[in-house]
Protein backbone atom coordinates (compact mmCIF):
# COMPACT_ATOMS: atom_id res chain seq x y z
CA MET A 1 140.35 72.16 102.90
CA VAL A 2 141.52 70.02 105.84
CA GLY A 3 138.53 67.70 105.51
CA ALA A 4 139.05 67.40 101.75
CA ALA A 5 142.72 66.56 102.27
CA ILE A 6 141.78 63.84 104.76
CA ALA A 7 139.21 62.40 102.37
CA TYR A 8 141.71 62.32 99.53
CA GLU A 9 144.49 60.74 101.61
CA LEU A 10 142.11 58.05 102.90
CA SER A 11 140.88 57.41 99.35
CA LEU A 12 144.37 56.08 98.58
CA CYS A 13 143.81 53.25 101.10
CA PRO A 14 142.08 50.44 99.15
CA ASP A 15 140.37 48.85 102.17
CA ILE A 16 138.68 52.02 103.44
CA GLY A 17 135.38 53.38 102.18
CA VAL A 18 135.04 57.11 102.79
CA THR A 19 131.93 59.27 103.03
CA VAL A 20 132.10 63.04 103.52
CA ILE A 21 129.19 65.04 104.96
CA ASP A 22 129.37 68.84 104.78
CA ARG A 23 126.81 71.49 105.63
CA SER A 24 128.16 73.69 102.78
CA PRO A 25 129.60 73.32 99.27
CA PRO A 26 133.37 72.70 99.15
CA GLY A 27 135.79 75.54 99.77
CA GLN A 28 133.68 77.68 102.08
CA GLY A 29 134.32 79.08 105.57
CA ALA A 30 137.90 79.70 106.64
CA THR A 31 139.17 78.06 103.43
CA ALA A 32 137.51 80.68 101.25
CA ALA A 33 139.04 83.49 103.30
CA ALA A 34 142.60 82.13 103.46
CA LEU A 35 145.52 83.53 101.47
CA GLY A 36 147.17 80.14 101.23
CA VAL A 37 150.62 81.29 102.37
CA ALA A 38 152.56 78.25 103.59
CA MET A 39 155.29 79.41 105.97
CA ALA A 40 157.20 76.31 107.00
CA VAL A 41 160.95 76.81 106.70
CA ILE A 42 160.66 80.52 107.50
CA SER A 43 158.63 79.73 110.62
CA HIS A 44 160.43 79.87 113.96
CA LYS A 45 158.95 76.48 114.88
CA VAL A 46 162.04 74.26 114.90
CA LYS A 47 161.15 71.13 116.91
CA GLY A 48 158.32 69.11 118.38
CA ARG A 49 154.91 68.49 116.84
CA ASN A 50 154.65 71.97 115.36
CA TRP A 51 157.76 71.60 113.21
CA ARG A 52 157.11 67.93 112.43
CA LEU A 53 153.70 68.77 110.92
CA ARG A 54 155.17 71.61 108.89
CA GLN A 55 157.97 69.41 107.58
CA GLN A 56 155.58 66.60 106.65
CA SER A 57 153.38 69.01 104.69
CA LEU A 58 156.41 70.51 102.96
CA GLN A 59 157.45 67.03 101.83
CA ARG A 60 153.94 65.98 100.76
CA TYR A 61 152.88 69.07 98.85
CA PRO A 62 154.89 68.54 95.61
CA THR A 63 153.68 64.96 95.15
CA LEU A 64 150.15 65.88 96.19
CA MET A 65 149.86 68.68 93.62
CA ALA A 66 151.24 66.48 90.85
CA GLU A 67 148.84 63.65 91.74
CA LEU A 68 145.80 65.92 91.81
CA GLU A 69 146.53 67.71 88.55
CA ALA A 70 147.17 64.40 86.76
CA LEU A 71 144.06 62.78 88.24
CA THR A 72 141.61 65.66 87.80
CA GLY A 73 143.00 67.66 84.88
CA GLN A 74 142.54 70.77 87.00
CA THR A 75 145.25 73.43 87.22
CA ILE A 76 145.85 74.67 90.77
CA GLN A 77 147.12 78.25 91.06
CA ARG A 78 150.25 78.42 93.17
CA ASN A 79 153.38 80.50 93.66
CA THR A 80 156.59 78.51 94.12
CA GLN A 81 158.99 81.46 94.01
CA GLY A 82 159.48 81.49 97.76
CA ILE A 83 158.61 83.81 100.62
CA LEU A 84 160.49 86.98 101.51
CA SER A 85 159.99 88.30 105.05
CA LEU A 86 161.13 91.85 105.81
CA CYS A 87 162.87 92.36 109.15
CA PHE A 88 162.58 95.85 110.67
CA ALA A 89 164.07 95.21 114.13
CA PRO A 90 167.88 94.86 114.50
CA GLU A 91 167.38 92.94 117.74
CA ASP A 92 165.63 90.17 115.75
CA LEU A 93 168.65 89.45 113.54
CA PRO A 94 170.40 87.03 115.96
CA ARG A 95 167.23 84.97 116.08
CA TRP A 96 167.07 84.85 112.28
CA ARG A 97 170.73 83.87 112.05
CA SER A 98 170.13 81.09 114.55
CA LEU A 99 167.17 79.88 112.51
CA GLN A 100 169.30 79.95 109.37
CA THR A 101 171.84 77.65 111.03
CA ILE A 102 169.13 75.27 112.26
CA ARG A 103 167.51 75.07 108.83
CA HIS A 104 170.90 74.46 107.19
CA ASP A 105 171.45 71.53 109.53
CA GLN A 106 167.96 70.26 108.64
CA GLY A 107 168.74 70.45 104.92
CA TYR A 108 166.87 73.65 104.05
CA ARG A 109 168.02 76.97 102.62
CA LEU A 110 167.27 80.23 104.39
CA GLU A 111 168.95 83.35 103.01
CA LEU A 112 169.53 86.62 104.87
CA TRP A 113 169.66 89.52 102.44
CA GLU A 114 171.09 92.96 103.09
CA PRO A 115 168.70 95.85 102.27
CA GLU A 116 170.65 96.41 99.04
CA GLN A 117 169.93 92.84 97.97
CA VAL A 118 166.24 93.34 98.73
CA ARG A 119 166.15 96.43 96.53
CA ASP A 120 168.02 94.65 93.74
CA ARG A 121 165.84 91.53 93.72
CA CYS A 122 162.54 93.31 94.49
CA PRO A 123 162.76 96.94 93.31
CA HIS A 124 159.07 97.48 94.07
CA LEU A 125 159.78 97.25 97.81
CA SER A 126 160.77 100.15 100.02
CA THR A 127 163.65 99.32 102.35
CA ASP A 128 163.04 102.25 104.68
CA GLY A 129 163.59 100.78 108.13
CA VAL A 130 164.41 97.35 106.73
CA VAL A 131 167.51 95.78 108.32
CA ALA A 132 167.33 92.49 106.43
CA GLY A 133 165.25 90.37 104.14
CA ILE A 134 164.81 86.70 105.03
CA PHE A 135 164.20 84.63 101.91
CA SER A 136 162.94 81.04 101.99
CA PRO A 137 162.92 79.49 98.50
CA GLN A 138 161.19 76.31 99.71
CA ASP A 139 158.09 78.00 101.11
CA PHE A 140 155.19 78.77 98.80
CA GLN A 141 151.58 79.89 98.33
CA VAL A 142 148.62 77.98 96.90
CA ASN A 143 145.04 78.98 96.12
CA PRO A 144 143.06 77.32 98.94
CA THR A 145 139.73 77.14 97.10
CA GLU A 146 141.22 75.67 93.92
CA LEU A 147 143.20 73.13 95.92
CA THR A 148 140.11 72.13 97.94
CA GLN A 149 138.08 71.64 94.78
CA ALA A 150 140.87 69.51 93.30
CA LEU A 151 141.07 67.43 96.48
CA VAL A 152 137.33 66.83 96.31
CA ALA A 153 137.48 65.91 92.63
CA GLY A 154 140.45 63.61 93.23
CA ALA A 155 138.81 61.92 96.20
CA ALA A 156 135.58 61.46 94.24
CA ALA A 157 137.52 59.91 91.35
CA ASN A 158 138.93 57.44 93.89
CA GLY A 159 135.47 56.46 95.10
CA VAL A 160 134.74 58.86 97.98
CA GLU A 161 131.06 59.75 98.39
CA PHE A 162 130.27 63.41 99.10
CA HIS A 163 127.05 64.75 100.63
CA PHE A 164 127.13 68.55 100.46
CA ASN A 165 124.56 70.97 101.89
CA GLN A 166 123.64 68.37 104.53
CA PRO A 167 124.32 69.50 108.10
CA VAL A 168 124.92 66.76 110.65
CA VAL A 169 122.09 66.83 113.21
CA GLY A 170 123.05 63.95 115.49
CA PHE A 171 124.80 60.66 116.12
CA GLU A 172 123.92 57.14 117.17
CA THR A 173 126.16 55.77 119.92
CA LYS A 174 126.32 52.69 122.08
CA GLY A 175 128.29 51.64 125.13
CA SER A 176 130.22 53.72 127.64
CA GLY A 177 132.44 53.10 130.67
CA GLU A 178 136.21 52.80 130.74
CA GLU A 179 136.47 51.41 127.22
CA GLY A 180 134.48 54.32 125.84
CA ALA A 181 131.42 54.59 123.64
CA VAL A 182 131.22 53.74 119.95
CA CYS A 183 129.53 55.92 117.35
CA THR A 184 127.66 53.70 114.89
CA ALA A 185 125.89 56.21 112.63
CA VAL A 186 125.61 59.86 111.64
CA HIS A 187 122.27 61.60 111.12
CA THR A 188 121.58 64.41 108.68
CA ALA A 189 118.18 65.99 108.15
CA THR A 190 117.46 63.56 105.30
CA GLN A 191 119.39 60.35 105.94
CA THR A 192 121.30 58.13 108.35
CA LEU A 193 124.77 56.90 107.41
CA ASP A 194 126.36 53.94 109.17
CA ALA A 195 129.99 54.35 110.18
CA ASP A 196 132.87 52.36 111.66
CA ALA A 197 134.92 55.48 112.37
CA ILE A 198 134.19 59.21 112.45
CA VAL A 199 136.54 62.13 111.78
CA LEU A 200 135.29 65.56 112.84
CA SER A 201 137.07 68.09 110.66
CA VAL A 202 134.55 70.87 111.02
CA GLY A 203 136.45 73.95 112.17
CA LEU A 204 134.05 76.23 113.99
CA GLY A 205 131.42 73.49 113.91
CA THR A 206 133.48 71.52 116.45
CA LEU A 207 131.87 72.93 119.60
CA PRO A 208 128.22 72.25 118.70
CA LEU A 209 128.93 68.74 117.39
CA THR A 210 131.07 67.75 120.36
CA GLN A 211 128.40 69.18 122.67
CA THR A 212 125.97 66.79 120.99
CA LEU A 213 128.41 64.01 121.93
CA SER A 214 128.67 65.37 125.53
CA GLN A 215 132.40 66.08 125.14
CA PRO A 216 132.56 69.80 124.25
CA ILE A 217 135.74 71.03 122.57
CA THR A 218 135.81 74.83 122.37
CA ILE A 219 137.16 76.20 119.11
CA GLY A 220 136.41 79.90 118.77
CA PRO A 221 136.58 82.37 115.89
CA VAL A 222 139.28 84.89 114.97
CA LEU A 223 138.19 87.10 112.10
CA GLY A 224 140.48 87.84 109.16
CA GLN A 225 140.03 90.23 106.25
CA GLY A 226 141.82 90.52 102.93
CA LEU A 227 141.56 92.28 99.61
CA ARG A 228 142.52 91.86 95.96
CA ILE A 229 144.32 94.60 94.03
CA HIS A 230 144.79 94.92 90.27
CA LEU A 231 147.70 96.89 88.82
CA ASP A 232 148.49 98.03 85.29
CA SER A 233 151.75 96.06 85.30
CA PRO A 234 153.52 93.55 87.54
CA LEU A 235 155.30 94.77 90.65
CA GLY A 236 159.08 94.74 90.45
CA LYS A 237 160.62 92.16 88.13
CA PRO A 238 158.04 90.05 86.29
CA GLU A 239 160.32 87.01 86.41
CA PHE A 240 160.66 87.11 90.22
CA GLN A 241 157.40 87.44 92.13
CA PRO A 242 157.78 85.92 95.60
CA VAL A 243 155.24 86.24 98.38
CA VAL A 244 156.30 89.14 100.62
CA ASN A 245 155.61 89.51 104.32
CA GLY A 246 156.19 92.71 106.25
CA HIS A 247 154.83 93.44 109.73
CA ASP A 248 152.74 90.24 109.39
CA ILE A 249 151.02 91.62 106.28
CA HIS A 250 151.21 89.36 103.23
CA LEU A 251 151.52 90.50 99.62
CA VAL A 252 150.61 87.56 97.37
CA PRO A 253 151.20 87.67 93.59
CA LEU A 254 148.43 85.89 91.70
CA GLY A 255 149.44 86.50 88.09
CA ASP A 256 147.72 88.76 85.54
CA ASP A 257 148.89 91.77 87.60
CA ASP A 258 146.62 90.79 90.50
CA TYR A 259 147.72 90.64 94.15
CA TRP A 260 146.16 89.61 97.42
CA VAL A 261 146.87 91.70 100.52
CA GLY A 262 146.04 90.52 104.04
CA ALA A 263 145.14 89.53 106.51
CA THR A 264 143.81 91.13 109.65
CA VAL A 265 143.71 89.33 113.00
CA GLU A 266 140.55 90.38 114.84
CA PHE A 267 139.66 88.68 118.11
CA PRO A 268 136.02 88.56 119.23
CA PRO A 269 134.77 90.48 122.26
CA GLU A 270 134.33 88.62 125.55
CA THR A 271 131.16 86.77 124.59
CA PRO A 272 130.08 83.11 124.56
CA PRO A 273 131.54 81.20 121.57
CA GLU A 274 128.11 80.91 119.94
CA GLU A 275 127.69 84.69 119.95
CA ALA A 276 131.25 85.30 118.77
CA LEU A 277 130.42 83.53 115.51
CA ALA A 278 128.28 86.54 114.60
CA MET A 279 131.18 89.00 114.79
CA GLN A 280 131.53 91.36 111.81
CA PRO A 281 134.65 92.86 110.19
CA GLU A 282 135.89 96.32 111.09
CA ALA A 283 136.52 98.33 107.93
CA GLU A 284 139.26 100.41 109.56
CA ARG A 285 141.26 97.25 110.34
CA LEU A 286 141.42 96.36 106.66
CA GLU A 287 142.40 99.93 105.80
CA GLU A 288 145.27 99.61 108.32
CA VAL A 289 146.47 96.46 106.57
CA LEU A 290 146.35 98.16 103.18
CA ARG A 291 148.30 101.15 104.51
CA GLY A 292 150.84 98.78 106.03
CA ALA A 293 151.31 96.99 102.71
CA ILE A 294 151.66 100.29 100.83
CA ALA A 295 154.29 101.39 103.36
CA TYR A 296 156.66 98.60 102.30
CA CYS A 297 155.36 98.37 98.69
CA PRO A 298 154.47 101.93 97.57
CA PRO A 299 153.36 101.01 93.99
CA LEU A 300 150.30 99.31 95.50
CA ALA A 301 148.83 102.77 96.06
CA ALA A 302 148.22 103.05 92.31
CA GLY A 303 146.25 99.80 92.19
CA THR A 304 142.51 99.23 92.08
CA VAL A 305 140.84 97.22 94.83
CA THR A 306 138.71 94.65 92.99
CA ASP A 307 137.52 92.50 95.88
CA ARG A 308 137.30 92.45 99.68
CA TRP A 309 136.39 89.48 101.86
CA PHE A 310 136.49 88.19 105.38
CA GLY A 311 136.22 84.88 107.19
CA LEU A 312 136.46 83.29 110.62
CA ARG A 313 139.49 81.19 111.50
CA PRO A 314 139.01 78.33 114.00
CA ARG A 315 141.26 78.78 117.05
CA PRO A 316 141.29 76.21 119.89
CA GLN A 317 140.71 77.49 123.40
CA GLY A 318 142.94 76.11 126.14
CA GLN A 319 145.10 73.92 123.91
CA ALA A 320 147.56 74.21 121.06
CA ALA A 321 146.49 74.40 117.42
CA PRO A 322 145.67 72.19 115.65
CA VAL A 323 143.58 69.60 117.53
CA ILE A 324 144.40 66.16 116.08
CA GLN A 325 143.39 63.53 118.61
CA PRO A 326 140.73 61.01 119.65
CA LEU A 327 137.58 62.46 121.18
CA THR A 328 137.58 61.68 124.89
CA GLY A 329 135.01 59.05 125.82
CA TYR A 330 134.79 57.48 122.36
CA ARG A 331 136.69 54.63 120.75
CA ASN A 332 136.11 55.56 117.13
CA ILE A 333 135.81 59.37 116.87
CA TRP A 334 138.78 61.55 115.99
CA LEU A 335 139.18 65.33 115.84
CA ALA A 336 141.10 67.14 113.12
CA ALA A 337 140.25 70.80 113.56
CA GLY A 338 141.30 74.17 114.94
CA HIS A 339 144.20 74.93 112.58
CA TYR A 340 143.82 78.69 113.18
CA ARG A 341 146.12 80.49 110.68
CA ASN A 342 147.88 77.38 109.33
CA GLY A 343 145.12 75.27 107.81
CA VAL A 344 146.47 75.44 104.28
CA LEU A 345 150.01 74.65 105.35
CA LEU A 346 149.08 71.81 107.70
CA ALA A 347 146.26 70.15 105.73
CA PRO A 348 148.45 67.47 104.08
CA ALA A 349 150.23 66.60 107.34
CA THR A 350 146.90 66.46 109.16
CA ALA A 351 145.56 64.06 106.54
CA LEU A 352 148.61 61.82 106.98
CA ALA A 353 148.20 61.93 110.77
CA VAL A 354 144.53 60.95 110.55
CA ARG A 355 145.33 58.16 108.13
CA GLU A 356 147.91 56.82 110.57
CA LEU A 357 145.42 56.99 113.46
CA LEU A 358 142.75 55.10 111.50
CA VAL A 359 144.89 52.56 109.64
């Protein structure tokens, strides 16, 4: 999704020709496994790069969605009824109240509900142990795969060339020294593509490609699992279906009485990054997540699990996520990768940042 967002944003620049090379079809990898929950205002990130990226994405998303649906004719599933986070620890309330004040000063609403208000607005939720509900009406959820496909279609309509199912196998470079080398072309198994600038937005493919360029950037995997549940009727009030978060477990309404539940956070064993990519999901971890969701939303127990999935999130090692920067030693290669659990939220801001770097 991040790469597709970059391609689309660059396609709006009339003097730039964009070519995308991907080893897979669009919407695979971490994108296919994401729940698409965009926690910006409700995040405790309040300053610095982390908040700036969140704020930029929050501002870009409404115009981006409108542009894509008008350009492509595709409808992108999303939930704009806000995010409700359940607080179970009284000692956390001062921190939430402080965040509420900060967000108010920044021009955003953040509501602190008493347990009675939670029960009234969301009668499907159990308030056992709940000391407050924190509701952010500006935050949202979007289907990552549908949005990625729309970004690709929109970028293609604007002239971007896509080469799917073509892994990159090498680069042509020239020069070195203090000024840095220049990458002049990209090799796939079947063709060579000339380039003036390169953006590596390849998630867990970052390490092998940067090793090829003799500047290894380690981005390792963290596995996440989720599931889809179908119910006979909507949870709570049909007219109010926000995303709910409790104990870092998301409950995502999808419409048609379907809900996503997830996701696990499973770190690899102490193995080399290449071996960690082969890690497999632990079934009991997903069962724990389901039990945790049922604990705060008991009606889920009557639902039918219709799908289970897992994916690997790209997490930078030794530096903050995400990695948006020039590649050391090169004058015309940039990195835009390692978004960990915030790829969907930060994709538009990353695309704007890359556009600014290139233009």
